[in-house]
PDB file of N, CA and C in Angstrom:
ATOM      1  N   MET A   1     -32.710 117.746 -11.274  1.00  0.00           N
ATOM      2  CA  MET A   1     -33.247 118.123 -12.906  1.00  0.00           C
ATOM      3  C   MET A   1     -34.231 118.853 -12.320  1.00  0.00           C
ATOM      4  N   ALA A   2     -34.179 119.800 -12.959  1.00  0.00           N
ATOM      5  CA  ALA A   2     -35.461 121.180 -13.254  1.00  0.00           C
ATOM      6  C   ALA A   2     -36.353 120.795 -13.797  1.00  0.00           C
ATOM      7  N   GLU A   3     -37.963 120.946 -13.140  1.00  0.00           N
ATOM      8  CA  GLU A   3     -38.952 120.273 -14.017  1.00  0.00           C
ATOM      9  C   GLU A   3     -38.793 120.956 -15.634  1.00  0.00           C
ATOM     10  N   LYS A   4     -39.375 120.381 -16.486  1.00  0.00           N
ATOM     11  CA  LYS A   4     -39.597 121.090 -17.428  1.00  0.00           C
ATOM     12  C   LYS A   4     -40.799 122.139 -17.773  1.00  0.00           C
ATOM     13  N   THR A   5     -40.875 122.746 -18.755  1.00  0.00           N
ATOM     14  CA  THR A   5     -42.510 123.318 -19.286  1.00  0.00           C
ATOM     15  C   THR A   5     -43.397 122.471 -19.231  1.00  0.00           C
ATOM     16  N   LYS A   6     -44.131 122.704 -19.040  1.00  0.00           N
ATOM     17  CA  LYS A   6     -45.685 121.580 -19.674  1.00  0.00           C
ATOM     18  C   LYS A   6     -46.512 122.840 -20.004  1.00  0.00           C
ATOM     19  N   LYS A   7     -46.822 124.066 -19.647  1.00  0.00           N
ATOM     20  CA  LYS A   7     -47.415 124.777 -20.568  1.00  0.00           C
ATOM     21  C   LYS A   7     -47.249 125.098 -21.813  1.00  0.00           C
ATOM     22  N   ILE A   8     -47.971 125.839 -22.639  1.00  0.00           N
ATOM     23  CA  ILE A   8     -47.567 125.548 -24.018  1.00  0.00           C
ATOM     24  C   ILE A   8     -48.220 127.665 -24.380  1.00  0.00           C
ATOM     25  N   THR A   9     -47.152 128.365 -24.331  1.00  0.00           N
ATOM     26  CA  THR A   9     -47.588 129.725 -24.377  1.00  0.00           C
ATOM     27  C   THR A   9     -47.137 129.839 -26.136  1.00  0.00           C
ATOM     28  N   PRO A  10     -47.877 131.286 -26.804  1.00  0.00           N
ATOM     29  CA  PRO A  10     -47.448 131.999 -27.715  1.00  0.00           C
ATOM     30  C   PRO A  10     -45.845 131.780 -27.864  1.00  0.00           C
ATOM     31  N   LEU A  11     -45.232 132.311 -26.915  1.00  0.00           N
ATOM     32  CA  LEU A  11     -44.038 132.680 -26.602  1.00  0.00           C
ATOM     33  C   LEU A  11     -43.007 131.769 -27.216  1.00  0.00           C
ATOM     34  N   SER A  12     -43.614 130.269 -26.579  1.00  0.00           N
ATOM     35  CA  SER A  12     -43.180 129.310 -26.764  1.00  0.00           C
ATOM     36  C   SER A  12     -43.258 128.488 -27.887  1.00  0.00           C
ATOM     37  N   ILE A  13     -44.374 128.366 -28.744  1.00  0.00           N
ATOM     38  CA  ILE A  13     -44.763 128.370 -29.908  1.00  0.00           C
ATOM     39  C   ILE A  13     -43.531 129.290 -30.290  1.00  0.00           C
ATOM     40  N   LEU A  14     -43.698 130.028 -31.050  1.00  0.00           N
ATOM     41  CA  LEU A  14     -42.886 131.542 -31.761  1.00  0.00           C
ATOM     42  C   LEU A  14     -41.346 130.995 -31.294  1.00  0.00           C
ATOM     43  N   ILE A  15     -41.181 130.551 -29.740  1.00  0.00           N
ATOM     44  CA  ILE A  15     -39.359 129.851 -29.568  1.00  0.00           C
ATOM     45  C   ILE A  15     -39.332 128.726 -30.777  1.00  0.00           C
ATOM     46  N   LEU A  16     -39.668 127.732 -30.683  1.00  0.00           N
ATOM     47  CA  LEU A  16     -39.949 126.412 -30.757  1.00  0.00           C
ATOM     48  C   LEU A  16     -40.101 126.318 -32.465  1.00  0.00           C
ATOM     49  N   GLN A  17     -40.893 127.517 -33.478  1.00  0.00           N
ATOM     50  CA  GLN A  17     -40.638 128.083 -35.115  1.00  0.00           C
ATOM     51  C   GLN A  17     -39.956 128.531 -34.779  1.00  0.00           C
ATOM     52  N   ALA A  18     -39.108 129.259 -34.301  1.00  0.00           N
ATOM     53  CA  ALA A  18     -38.161 130.313 -34.920  1.00  0.00           C
ATOM     54  C   ALA A  18     -36.510 129.071 -34.647  1.00  0.00           C
ATOM     55  N   ALA A  19     -36.383 128.131 -33.909  1.00  0.00           N
ATOM     56  CA  ALA A  19     -35.875 127.076 -34.402  1.00  0.00           C
ATOM     57  C   ALA A  19     -35.979 126.047 -35.433  1.00  0.00           C
ATOM     58  N   VAL A  20     -36.966 125.677 -36.112  1.00  0.00           N
ATOM     59  CA  VAL A  20     -37.488 125.001 -37.344  1.00  0.00           C
ATOM     60  C   VAL A  20     -36.922 125.790 -38.657  1.00  0.00           C
ATOM     61  N   VAL A  21     -37.027 127.276 -38.370  1.00  0.00           N
ATOM     62  CA  VAL A  21     -37.021 128.392 -39.512  1.00  0.00           C
ATOM     63  C   VAL A  21     -35.329 128.275 -39.717  1.00  0.00           C
ATOM     64  N   ILE A  22     -34.472 128.137 -38.159  1.00  0.00           N
ATOM     65  CA  ILE A  22     -32.904 128.246 -38.795  1.00  0.00           C
ATOM     66  C   ILE A  22     -32.920 126.765 -39.347  1.00  0.00           C
ATOM     67  N   TYR A  23     -33.229 125.720 -38.544  1.00  0.00           N
ATOM     68  CA  TYR A  23     -33.344 124.374 -39.417  1.00  0.00           C
ATOM     69  C   TYR A  23     -33.319 124.386 -40.737  1.00  0.00           C
ATOM     70  N   THR A  24     -34.421 124.676 -40.822  1.00  0.00           N
ATOM     71  CA  THR A  24     -34.632 124.711 -42.274  1.00  0.00           C
ATOM     72  C   THR A  24     -34.094 125.925 -43.554  1.00  0.00           C
ATOM     73  N   THR A  25     -33.320 127.172 -43.082  1.00  0.00           N
ATOM     74  CA  THR A  25     -32.839 127.718 -43.869  1.00  0.00           C
ATOM     75  C   THR A  25     -31.661 126.700 -43.904  1.00  0.00           C
ATOM     76  N   SER A  26     -30.819 125.656 -44.125  1.00  0.00           N
ATOM     77  CA  SER A  26     -29.581 124.945 -44.300  1.00  0.00           C
ATOM     78  C   SER A  26     -30.359 123.938 -45.813  1.00  0.00           C
ATOM     79  N   GLY A  27     -31.762 123.962 -45.508  1.00  0.00           N
ATOM     80  CA  GLY A  27     -31.838 123.481 -46.963  1.00  0.00           C
ATOM     81  C   GLY A  27     -31.836 124.147 -47.954  1.00  0.00           C
ATOM     82  N   ILE A  28     -32.508 125.659 -47.670  1.00  0.00           N
ATOM     83  CA  ILE A  28     -32.411 126.379 -48.755  1.00  0.00           C
ATOM     84  C   ILE A  28     -30.562 126.942 -49.486  1.00  0.00           C
ATOM     85  N   PHE A  29     -29.767 127.113 -48.004  1.00  0.00           N
ATOM     86  CA  PHE A  29     -28.167 126.916 -48.769  1.00  0.00           C
ATOM     87  C   PHE A  29     -27.307 126.089 -49.547  1.00  0.00           C
ATOM     88  N   ALA A  30     -28.230 124.212 -49.516  1.00  0.00           N
ATOM     89  CA  ALA A  30     -27.882 123.398 -50.073  1.00  0.00           C
ATOM     90  C   ALA A  30     -28.345 123.740 -51.742  1.00  0.00           C
ATOM     91  N   LYS A  31     -29.712 124.059 -51.143  1.00  0.00           N
ATOM     92  CA  LYS A  31     -30.431 123.785 -53.015  1.00  0.00           C
ATOM     93  C   LYS A  31     -29.915 124.946 -53.509  1.00  0.00           C
ATOM     94  N   LEU A  32     -29.109 126.245 -53.287  1.00  0.00           N
ATOM     95  CA  LEU A  32     -28.743 127.075 -54.098  1.00  0.00           C
ATOM     96  C   LEU A  32     -27.280 126.786 -54.276  1.00  0.00           C
ATOM     97  N   ALA A  33     -26.507 126.032 -53.493  1.00  0.00           N
ATOM     98  CA  ALA A  33     -25.313 125.764 -53.898  1.00  0.00           C
ATOM     99  C   ALA A  33     -25.226 124.705 -55.013  1.00  0.00           C
ATOM    100  N   ASP A  34     -26.140 124.129 -55.124  1.00  0.00           N
ATOM    101  CA  ASP A  34     -26.357 123.435 -56.174  1.00  0.00           C
ATOM    102  C   ASP A  34     -26.749 123.863 -57.706  1.00  0.00           C
ATOM    103  N   ARG A  35     -26.436 125.311 -57.762  1.00  0.00           N
ATOM    104  CA  ARG A  35     -26.474 126.005 -59.205  1.00  0.00           C
ATOM    105  C   ARG A  35     -25.253 126.772 -59.315  1.00  0.00           C
ATOM    106  N   PHE A  36     -23.717 125.998 -58.117  1.00  0.00           N
ATOM    107  CA  PHE A  36     -22.732 125.954 -58.623  1.00  0.00           C
ATOM    108  C   PHE A  36     -21.682 125.522 -58.813  1.00  0.00           C
ATOM    109  N   ASP A  37     -20.440 125.642 -59.441  1.00  0.00           N
ATOM    110  CA  ASP A  37     -19.681 124.334 -59.553  1.00  0.00           C
ATOM    111  C   ASP A  37     -19.120 124.528 -58.287  1.00  0.00           C
ATOM    112  N   VAL A  38     -18.846 122.921 -58.147  1.00  0.00           N
ATOM    113  CA  VAL A  38     -18.100 122.147 -57.006  1.00  0.00           C
ATOM    114  C   VAL A  38     -16.971 123.193 -57.072  1.00  0.00           C
ATOM    115  N   MET A  39     -16.541 123.414 -55.202  1.00  0.00           N
ATOM    116  CA  MET A  39     -15.577 124.005 -55.027  1.00  0.00           C
ATOM    117  C   MET A  39     -15.157 125.428 -55.343  1.00  0.00           C
ATOM    118  N   SER A  40     -16.540 125.843 -56.328  1.00  0.00           N
ATOM    119  CA  SER A  40     -16.368 127.272 -56.347  1.00  0.00           C
ATOM    120  C   SER A  40     -16.196 128.582 -55.032  1.00  0.00           C
ATOM    121  N   PHE A  41     -16.333 129.096 -55.079  1.00  0.00           N
ATOM    122  CA  PHE A  41     -16.547 130.553 -54.235  1.00  0.00           C
ATOM    123  C   PHE A  41     -18.015 130.286 -53.582  1.00  0.00           C
ATOM    124  N   ARG A  42     -18.694 130.484 -54.171  1.00  0.00           N
ATOM    125  CA  ARG A  42     -20.405 130.581 -54.067  1.00  0.00           C
ATOM    126  C   ARG A  42     -20.569 129.134 -53.639  1.00  0.00           C
ATOM    127  N   TRP A  43     -20.166 127.944 -54.284  1.00  0.00           N
ATOM    128  CA  TRP A  43     -20.982 127.065 -53.889  1.00  0.00           C
ATOM    129  C   TRP A  43     -19.877 126.556 -52.410  1.00  0.00           C
ATOM    130  N   LEU A  44     -18.693 127.633 -52.066  1.00  0.00           N
ATOM    131  CA  LEU A  44     -18.304 127.050 -50.285  1.00  0.00           C
ATOM    132  C   LEU A  44     -18.699 127.690 -49.708  1.00  0.00           C
ATOM    133  N   LEU A  45     -19.096 128.969 -50.121  1.00  0.00           N
ATOM    134  CA  LEU A  45     -20.048 129.968 -49.498  1.00  0.00           C
ATOM    135  C   LEU A  45     -21.191 129.525 -48.639  1.00  0.00           C
ATOM    136  N   MET A  46     -22.020 129.045 -50.109  1.00  0.00           N
ATOM    137  CA  MET A  46     -23.493 128.017 -49.665  1.00  0.00           C
ATOM    138  C   MET A  46     -23.058 126.803 -48.843  1.00  0.00           C
ATOM    139  N   LEU A  47     -22.181 126.368 -48.635  1.00  0.00           N
ATOM    140  CA  LEU A  47     -22.007 125.025 -47.695  1.00  0.00           C
ATOM    141  C   LEU A  47     -21.723 125.911 -46.677  1.00  0.00           C
ATOM    142  N   PHE A  48     -21.132 127.117 -46.627  1.00  0.00           N
ATOM    143  CA  PHE A  48     -20.212 127.589 -45.205  1.00  0.00           C
ATOM    144  C   PHE A  48     -21.681 127.929 -44.737  1.00  0.00           C
ATOM    145  N   LEU A  49     -22.562 128.361 -44.897  1.00  0.00           N
ATOM    146  CA  LEU A  49     -24.062 128.841 -44.328  1.00  0.00           C
ATOM    147  C   LEU A  49     -24.848 127.768 -43.852  1.00  0.00           C
ATOM    148  N   GLU A  50     -25.003 126.604 -45.028  1.00  0.00           N
ATOM    149  CA  GLU A  50     -25.826 125.859 -44.776  1.00  0.00           C
ATOM    150  C   GLU A  50     -24.814 125.341 -43.006  1.00  0.00           C
ATOM    151  N   LEU A  51     -24.107 124.828 -42.866  1.00  0.00           N
ATOM    152  CA  LEU A  51     -23.217 124.407 -42.090  1.00  0.00           C
ATOM    153  C   LEU A  51     -23.443 125.674 -40.786  1.00  0.00           C
ATOM    154  N   CYS A  52     -23.108 126.900 -41.007  1.00  0.00           N
ATOM    155  CA  CYS A  52     -23.844 127.682 -39.800  1.00  0.00           C
ATOM    156  C   CYS A  52     -25.457 127.738 -39.401  1.00  0.00           C
ATOM    157  N   ALA A  53     -25.942 127.450 -40.427  1.00  0.00           N
ATOM    158  CA  ALA A  53     -27.338 127.055 -39.833  1.00  0.00           C
ATOM    159  C   ALA A  53     -27.555 126.111 -39.015  1.00  0.00           C
ATOM    160  N   LEU A  54     -26.738 124.591 -39.438  1.00  0.00           N
ATOM    161  CA  LEU A  54     -27.208 123.766 -38.925  1.00  0.00           C
ATOM    162  C   LEU A  54     -26.048 123.793 -36.951  1.00  0.00           C
ATOM    163  N   GLY A  55     -25.207 124.545 -37.700  1.00  0.00           N
ATOM    164  CA  GLY A  55     -24.726 125.154 -36.191  1.00  0.00           C
ATOM    165  C   GLY A  55     -25.405 125.697 -35.003  1.00  0.00           C
ATOM    166  N   THR A  56     -26.104 126.612 -35.640  1.00  0.00           N
ATOM    167  CA  THR A  56     -26.771 127.545 -34.767  1.00  0.00           C
ATOM    168  C   THR A  56     -28.394 126.924 -34.485  1.00  0.00           C
ATOM    169  N   TYR A  57     -28.692 126.358 -35.525  1.00  0.00           N
ATOM    170  CA  TYR A  57     -30.039 125.563 -34.744  1.00  0.00           C
ATOM    171  C   TYR A  57     -29.579 124.007 -33.634  1.00  0.00           C
ATOM    172  N   ALA A  58     -28.420 123.510 -33.831  1.00  0.00           N
ATOM    173  CA  ALA A  58     -27.520 122.474 -33.032  1.00  0.00           C
ATOM    174  C   ALA A  58     -27.825 123.006 -31.269  1.00  0.00           C
ATOM    175  N   ILE A  59     -27.329 124.659 -31.281  1.00  0.00           N
ATOM    176  CA  ILE A  59     -26.963 125.061 -30.285  1.00  0.00           C
ATOM    177  C   ILE A  59     -28.661 125.271 -29.900  1.00  0.00           C
ATOM    178  N   VAL A  60     -29.479 126.354 -30.281  1.00  0.00           N
ATOM    179  CA  VAL A  60     -30.947 126.348 -29.742  1.00  0.00           C
ATOM    180  C   VAL A  60     -31.795 125.309 -29.724  1.00  0.00           C
ATOM    181  N   TRP A  61     -31.501 124.550 -30.585  1.00  0.00           N
ATOM    182  CA  TRP A  61     -32.011 122.904 -30.265  1.00  0.00           C
ATOM    183  C   TRP A  61     -31.930 122.827 -28.528  1.00  0.00           C
ATOM    184  N   GLN A  62     -30.383 122.273 -28.306  1.00  0.00           N
ATOM    185  CA  GLN A  62     -30.238 122.160 -27.469  1.00  0.00           C
ATOM    186  C   GLN A  62     -30.606 122.916 -26.165  1.00  0.00           C
ATOM    187  N   GLN A  63     -30.751 123.958 -26.168  1.00  0.00           N
ATOM    188  CA  GLN A  63     -31.685 124.637 -25.144  1.00  0.00           C
ATOM    189  C   GLN A  63     -33.095 124.551 -24.874  1.00  0.00           C
ATOM    190  N   ILE A  64     -33.726 124.531 -26.285  1.00  0.00           N
ATOM    191  CA  ILE A  64     -34.959 124.263 -26.186  1.00  0.00           C
ATOM    192  C   ILE A  64     -35.178 122.644 -25.971  1.00  0.00           C
ATOM    193  N   ILE A  65     -34.806 121.680 -26.015  1.00  0.00           N
ATOM    194  CA  ILE A  65     -35.031 120.795 -25.552  1.00  0.00           C
ATOM    195  C   ILE A  65     -34.740 120.601 -23.502  1.00  0.00           C
ATOM    196  N   LYS A  66     -33.454 121.547 -23.275  1.00  0.00           N
ATOM    197  CA  LYS A  66     -33.484 121.684 -22.187  1.00  0.00           C
ATOM    198  C   LYS A  66     -35.235 122.218 -21.024  1.00  0.00           C
ATOM    199  N   ARG A  67     -35.723 123.120 -22.070  1.00  0.00           N
ATOM    200  CA  ARG A  67     -36.900 123.783 -21.172  1.00  0.00           C
ATOM    201  C   ARG A  67     -37.849 123.462 -21.894  1.00  0.00           C
ATOM    202  N   PHE A  68     -38.334 122.573 -22.887  1.00  0.00           N
ATOM    203  CA  PHE A  68     -39.329 121.673 -23.028  1.00  0.00           C
ATOM    204  C   PHE A  68     -39.613 120.215 -22.819  1.00  0.00           C
ATOM    205  N   ASP A  69     -40.920 120.173 -22.943  1.00  0.00           N
ATOM    206  CA  ASP A  69     -41.049 118.428 -23.122  1.00  0.00           C
ATOM    207  C   ASP A  69     -40.346 117.761 -24.725  1.00  0.00           C
ATOM    208  N   LEU A  70     -39.667 116.920 -24.069  1.00  0.00           N
ATOM    209  CA  LEU A  70     -39.680 116.649 -25.082  1.00  0.00           C
ATOM    210  C   LEU A  70     -40.476 116.454 -26.955  1.00  0.00           C
ATOM    211  N   SER A  71     -41.768 115.645 -26.460  1.00  0.00           N
ATOM    212  CA  SER A  71     -42.630 114.833 -27.104  1.00  0.00           C
ATOM    213  C   SER A  71     -42.884 116.580 -27.695  1.00  0.00           C
ATOM    214  N   LEU A  72     -43.474 117.846 -26.529  1.00  0.00           N
ATOM    215  CA  LEU A  72     -43.977 119.035 -27.602  1.00  0.00           C
ATOM    216  C   LEU A  72     -42.864 119.839 -28.279  1.00  0.00           C
ATOM    217  N   ALA A  73     -41.622 119.305 -28.166  1.00  0.00           N
ATOM    218  CA  ALA A  73     -40.257 120.211 -28.940  1.00  0.00           C
ATOM    219  C   ALA A  73     -40.534 119.058 -30.315  1.00  0.00           C
ATOM    220  N   TYR A  74     -40.102 118.026 -30.625  1.00  0.00           N
ATOM    221  CA  TYR A  74     -40.597 117.053 -31.611  1.00  0.00           C
ATOM    222  C   TYR A  74     -41.716 116.868 -32.424  1.00  0.00           C
ATOM    223  N   ALA A  75     -42.808 117.499 -32.061  1.00  0.00           N
ATOM    224  CA  ALA A  75     -43.961 117.611 -32.379  1.00  0.00           C
ATOM    225  C   ALA A  75     -43.615 118.693 -33.591  1.00  0.00           C
ATOM    226  N   ASN A  76     -43.818 120.003 -32.345  1.00  0.00           N
ATOM    227  CA  ASN A  76     -43.562 121.232 -33.248  1.00  0.00           C
ATOM    228  C   ASN A  76     -42.216 121.013 -34.206  1.00  0.00           C
ATOM    229  N   ARG A  77     -41.847 120.149 -34.073  1.00  0.00           N
ATOM    230  CA  ARG A  77     -40.752 120.179 -35.636  1.00  0.00           C
ATOM    231  C   ARG A  77     -40.785 119.615 -37.024  1.00  0.00           C
ATOM    232  N   ALA A  78     -42.180 118.794 -36.215  1.00  0.00           N
ATOM    233  CA  ALA A  78     -42.610 118.414 -37.739  1.00  0.00           C
ATOM    234  C   ALA A  78     -42.958 119.751 -38.884  1.00  0.00           C
ATOM    235  N   THR A  79     -43.196 120.728 -38.074  1.00  0.00           N
ATOM    236  CA  THR A  79     -43.578 122.030 -38.750  1.00  0.00           C
ATOM    237  C   THR A  79     -42.283 122.321 -39.838  1.00  0.00           C
ATOM    238  N   SER A  80     -41.324 121.395 -39.851  1.00  0.00           N
ATOM    239  CA  SER A  80     -40.199 121.975 -40.934  1.00  0.00           C
ATOM    240  C   SER A  80     -40.838 121.687 -42.476  1.00  0.00           C
ATOM    241  N   VAL A  81     -41.821 120.701 -42.415  1.00  0.00           N
ATOM    242  CA  VAL A  81     -42.328 120.133 -43.680  1.00  0.00           C
ATOM    243  C   VAL A  81     -42.989 121.090 -44.113  1.00  0.00           C
ATOM    244  N   PHE A  82     -44.014 122.134 -43.539  1.00  0.00           N
ATOM    245  CA  PHE A  82     -44.280 123.674 -43.519  1.00  0.00           C
ATOM    246  C   PHE A  82     -43.537 124.451 -44.122  1.00  0.00           C
ATOM    247  N   TRP A  83     -42.405 124.504 -43.398  1.00  0.00           N
ATOM    248  CA  TRP A  83     -41.827 125.220 -43.825  1.00  0.00           C
ATOM    249  C   TRP A  83     -40.640 125.625 -45.219  1.00  0.00           C
ATOM    250  N   SER A  84     -40.376 124.350 -45.280  1.00  0.00           N
ATOM    251  CA  SER A  84     -39.603 123.500 -46.534  1.00  0.00           C
ATOM    252  C   SER A  84     -40.817 124.145 -47.620  1.00  0.00           C
ATOM    253  N   MET A  85     -41.689 123.894 -47.279  1.00  0.00           N
ATOM    254  CA  MET A  85     -42.756 124.116 -48.516  1.00  0.00           C
ATOM    255  C   MET A  85     -42.745 125.837 -49.223  1.00  0.00           C
ATOM    256  N   ILE A  86     -42.969 126.112 -47.712  1.00  0.00           N
ATOM    257  CA  ILE A  86     -42.678 127.938 -48.197  1.00  0.00           C
ATOM    258  C   ILE A  86     -41.756 128.361 -48.850  1.00  0.00           C
ATOM    259  N   TRP A  87     -40.532 127.887 -48.677  1.00  0.00           N
ATOM    260  CA  TRP A  87     -39.442 128.243 -48.844  1.00  0.00           C
ATOM    261  C   TRP A  87     -39.532 128.068 -50.304  1.00  0.00           C
ATOM    262  N   ALA A  88     -39.458 126.597 -50.623  1.00  0.00           N
ATOM    263  CA  ALA A  88     -39.362 126.209 -51.959  1.00  0.00           C
ATOM    264  C   ALA A  88     -40.544 126.641 -53.131  1.00  0.00           C
ATOM    265  N   HIS A  89     -41.754 127.357 -52.347  1.00  0.00           N
ATOM    266  CA  HIS A  89     -42.696 128.159 -53.273  1.00  0.00           C
ATOM    267  C   HIS A  89     -42.175 129.188 -53.364  1.00  0.00           C
ATOM    268  N   PHE A  90     -41.808 130.100 -52.598  1.00  0.00           N
ATOM    269  CA  PHE A  90     -41.422 131.299 -52.780  1.00  0.00           C
ATOM    270  C   PHE A  90     -39.762 131.441 -53.412  1.00  0.00           C
ATOM    271  N   ILE A  91     -39.027 131.298 -52.670  1.00  0.00           N
ATOM    272  CA  ILE A  91     -37.809 130.915 -52.892  1.00  0.00           C
ATOM    273  C   ILE A  91     -37.414 130.815 -54.406  1.00  0.00           C
ATOM    274  N   PHE A  92     -37.878 129.521 -54.574  1.00  0.00           N
ATOM    275  CA  PHE A  92     -37.274 128.351 -55.535  1.00  0.00           C
ATOM    276  C   PHE A  92     -38.657 128.375 -56.667  1.00  0.00           C
ATOM    277  N   ARG A  93     -39.885 129.361 -56.509  1.00  0.00           N
ATOM    278  CA  ARG A  93     -40.703 129.074 -57.321  1.00  0.00           C
ATOM    279  C   ARG A  93     -41.141 127.418 -57.821  1.00  0.00           C
ATOM    280  N   GLU A  94     -41.234 126.934 -57.107  1.00  0.00           N
ATOM    281  CA  GLU A  94     -41.993 125.121 -56.791  1.00  0.00           C
ATOM    282  C   GLU A  94     -43.054 125.749 -56.886  1.00  0.00           C
ATOM    283  N   GLY A  95     -44.128 124.536 -57.330  1.00  0.00           N
ATOM    284  CA  GLY A  95     -45.562 124.423 -57.161  1.00  0.00           C
ATOM    285  C   GLY A  95     -45.905 123.728 -55.672  1.00  0.00           C
ATOM    286  N   VAL A  96     -46.969 123.875 -55.505  1.00  0.00           N
ATOM    287  CA  VAL A  96     -47.751 123.504 -54.242  1.00  0.00           C
ATOM    288  C   VAL A  96     -49.266 123.000 -54.530  1.00  0.00           C
ATOM    289  N   THR A  97     -48.991 121.485 -54.320  1.00  0.00           N
ATOM    290  CA  THR A  97     -50.340 120.887 -54.529  1.00  0.00           C
ATOM    291  C   THR A  97     -50.926 120.952 -53.852  1.00  0.00           C
ATOM    292  N   LEU A  98     -52.430 120.221 -54.419  1.00  0.00           N
ATOM    293  CA  LEU A  98     -53.022 120.111 -52.753  1.00  0.00           C
ATOM    294  C   LEU A  98     -52.815 118.666 -51.746  1.00  0.00           C
ATOM    295  N   LYS A  99     -52.003 117.805 -52.646  1.00  0.00           N
ATOM    296  CA  LYS A  99     -51.312 116.907 -51.961  1.00  0.00           C
ATOM    297  C   LYS A  99     -50.496 117.408 -51.003  1.00  0.00           C
ATOM    298  N   ASN A 100     -49.643 118.339 -51.112  1.00  0.00           N
ATOM    299  CA  ASN A 100     -48.920 118.937 -49.984  1.00  0.00           C
ATOM    300  C   ASN A 100     -49.554 120.025 -48.972  1.00  0.00           C
ATOM    301  N   LEU A 101     -50.606 120.537 -49.719  1.00  0.00           N
ATOM    302  CA  LEU A 101     -51.680 121.143 -48.117  1.00  0.00           C
ATOM    303  C   LEU A 101     -52.271 120.079 -47.363  1.00  0.00           C
ATOM    304  N   ILE A 102     -52.474 119.116 -48.565  1.00  0.00           N
ATOM    305  CA  ILE A 102     -53.366 118.259 -46.985  1.00  0.00           C
ATOM    306  C   ILE A 102     -52.495 117.432 -46.188  1.00  0.00           C
ATOM    307  N   GLY A 103     -51.069 117.214 -46.795  1.00  0.00           N
ATOM    308  CA  GLY A 103     -49.937 116.640 -45.857  1.00  0.00           C
ATOM    309  C   GLY A 103     -49.666 117.449 -44.672  1.00  0.00           C
ATOM    310  N   VAL A 104     -49.755 118.824 -45.163  1.00  0.00           N
ATOM    311  CA  VAL A 104     -49.168 119.948 -43.986  1.00  0.00           C
ATOM    312  C   VAL A 104     -50.634 119.711 -43.047  1.00  0.00           C
ATOM    313  N   ALA A 105     -52.270 119.931 -43.231  1.00  0.00           N
ATOM    314  CA  ALA A 105     -53.070 120.209 -42.531  1.00  0.00           C
ATOM    315  C   ALA A 105     -52.909 119.075 -41.710  1.00  0.00           C
ATOM    316  N   VAL A 106     -52.873 117.740 -42.122  1.00  0.00           N
ATOM    317  CA  VAL A 106     -52.318 116.632 -41.238  1.00  0.00           C
ATOM    318  C   VAL A 106     -51.246 116.507 -40.089  1.00  0.00           C
ATOM    319  N   ILE A 107     -50.279 116.905 -40.116  1.00  0.00           N
ATOM    320  CA  ILE A 107     -48.728 117.701 -39.714  1.00  0.00           C
ATOM    321  C   ILE A 107     -49.822 117.946 -39.004  1.00  0.00           C
ATOM    322  N   PHE A 108     -50.385 119.811 -38.643  1.00  0.00           N
ATOM    323  CA  PHE A 108     -50.603 120.493 -37.911  1.00  0.00           C
ATOM    324  C   PHE A 108     -51.764 120.190 -37.043  1.00  0.00           C
ATOM    325  N   ALA A 109     -52.321 119.110 -37.393  1.00  0.00           N
ATOM    326  CA  ALA A 109     -53.621 118.428 -36.676  1.00  0.00           C
ATOM    327  C   ALA A 109     -53.043 117.368 -35.506  1.00  0.00           C
ATOM    328  N   GLY A 110     -51.404 117.027 -36.363  1.00  0.00           N
ATOM    329  CA  GLY A 110     -51.118 116.050 -35.159  1.00  0.00           C
ATOM    330  C   GLY A 110     -50.502 116.863 -33.984  1.00  0.00           C
ATOM    331  N   ILE A 111     -49.993 118.191 -34.594  1.00  0.00           N
ATOM    332  CA  ILE A 111     -49.109 119.320 -33.429  1.00  0.00           C
ATOM    333  C   ILE A 111     -50.154 119.152 -32.708  1.00  0.00           C
ATOM    334  N   MET A 112     -51.196 120.143 -33.182  1.00  0.00           N
ATOM    335  CA  MET A 112     -52.111 120.279 -32.147  1.00  0.00           C
ATOM    336  C   MET A 112     -52.695 119.729 -30.888  1.00  0.00           C
ATOM    337  N   VAL A 113     -52.845 117.769 -31.696  1.00  0.00           N
ATOM    338  CA  VAL A 113     -53.222 116.575 -30.625  1.00  0.00           C
ATOM    339  C   VAL A 113     -52.613 116.948 -29.070  1.00  0.00           C
ATOM    340  N   VAL A 114     -50.787 116.893 -30.025  1.00  0.00           N
ATOM    341  CA  VAL A 114     -50.013 116.775 -28.801  1.00  0.00           C
ATOM    342  C   VAL A 114     -49.690 117.944 -28.160  1.00  0.00           C
ATOM    343  N   ASN A 115     -49.673 118.810 -28.324  1.00  0.00           N
ATOM    344  CA  ASN A 115     -50.051 120.380 -27.821  1.00  0.00           C
ATOM    345  C   ASN A 115     -50.717 120.605 -26.957  1.00  0.00           C
ATOM    346  N   SER A 116     -51.827 119.852 -27.214  1.00  0.00           N
ATOM    347  CA  SER A 116     -53.287 120.370 -26.534  1.00  0.00           C
ATOM    348  C   SER A 116     -53.283 119.524 -24.706  1.00  0.00           C
ATOM    349  N   ASP A 117     -53.568 120.306 -23.802  1.00  0.00           N
ATOM    350  CA  ASP A 117     -53.805 120.057 -22.516  1.00  0.00           C
ATOM    351  C   ASP A 117     -54.105 118.133 -22.568  1.00  0.00           C
ATOM    352  N   GLU A 118     -53.179 117.437 -21.607  1.00  0.00           N
ATOM    353  CA  GLU A 118     -53.594 115.883 -21.265  1.00  0.00           C
ATOM    354  C   GLU A 118     -54.257 115.805 -20.011  1.00  0.00           C
ATOM    355  N   SER A 119     -54.727 117.175 -19.260  1.00  0.00           N
ATOM    356  CA  SER A 119     -55.354 116.783 -18.365  1.00  0.00           C
ATOM    357  C   SER A 119     -57.012 116.617 -18.283  1.00  0.00           C
TER     358      SER A 119
END
């Protein structure tokens, strides 16, 4: 079995974050689908786009876990909370509270601990 990448590079973080962004877009399509009548063309389109996002994410995620330490990959996946908050604010005009920001800060602190060198 090939040795997994241990060093964190800006490119590896970008790849992990791109996967998380793809994953969180599925939630956007799911929430948009709620605006349409069930089984209407637009509802089916949103469902299809949601499934496409999840399928793309599944393929990308399989490649990520082949190349990165699992602890690194899963720790960075936690940023989905951040991306979901961004989408909720800018796309759906939902508010961001101080508690939301504190929660995201705690998540990022945990990610930094996991991503730091253990040497």
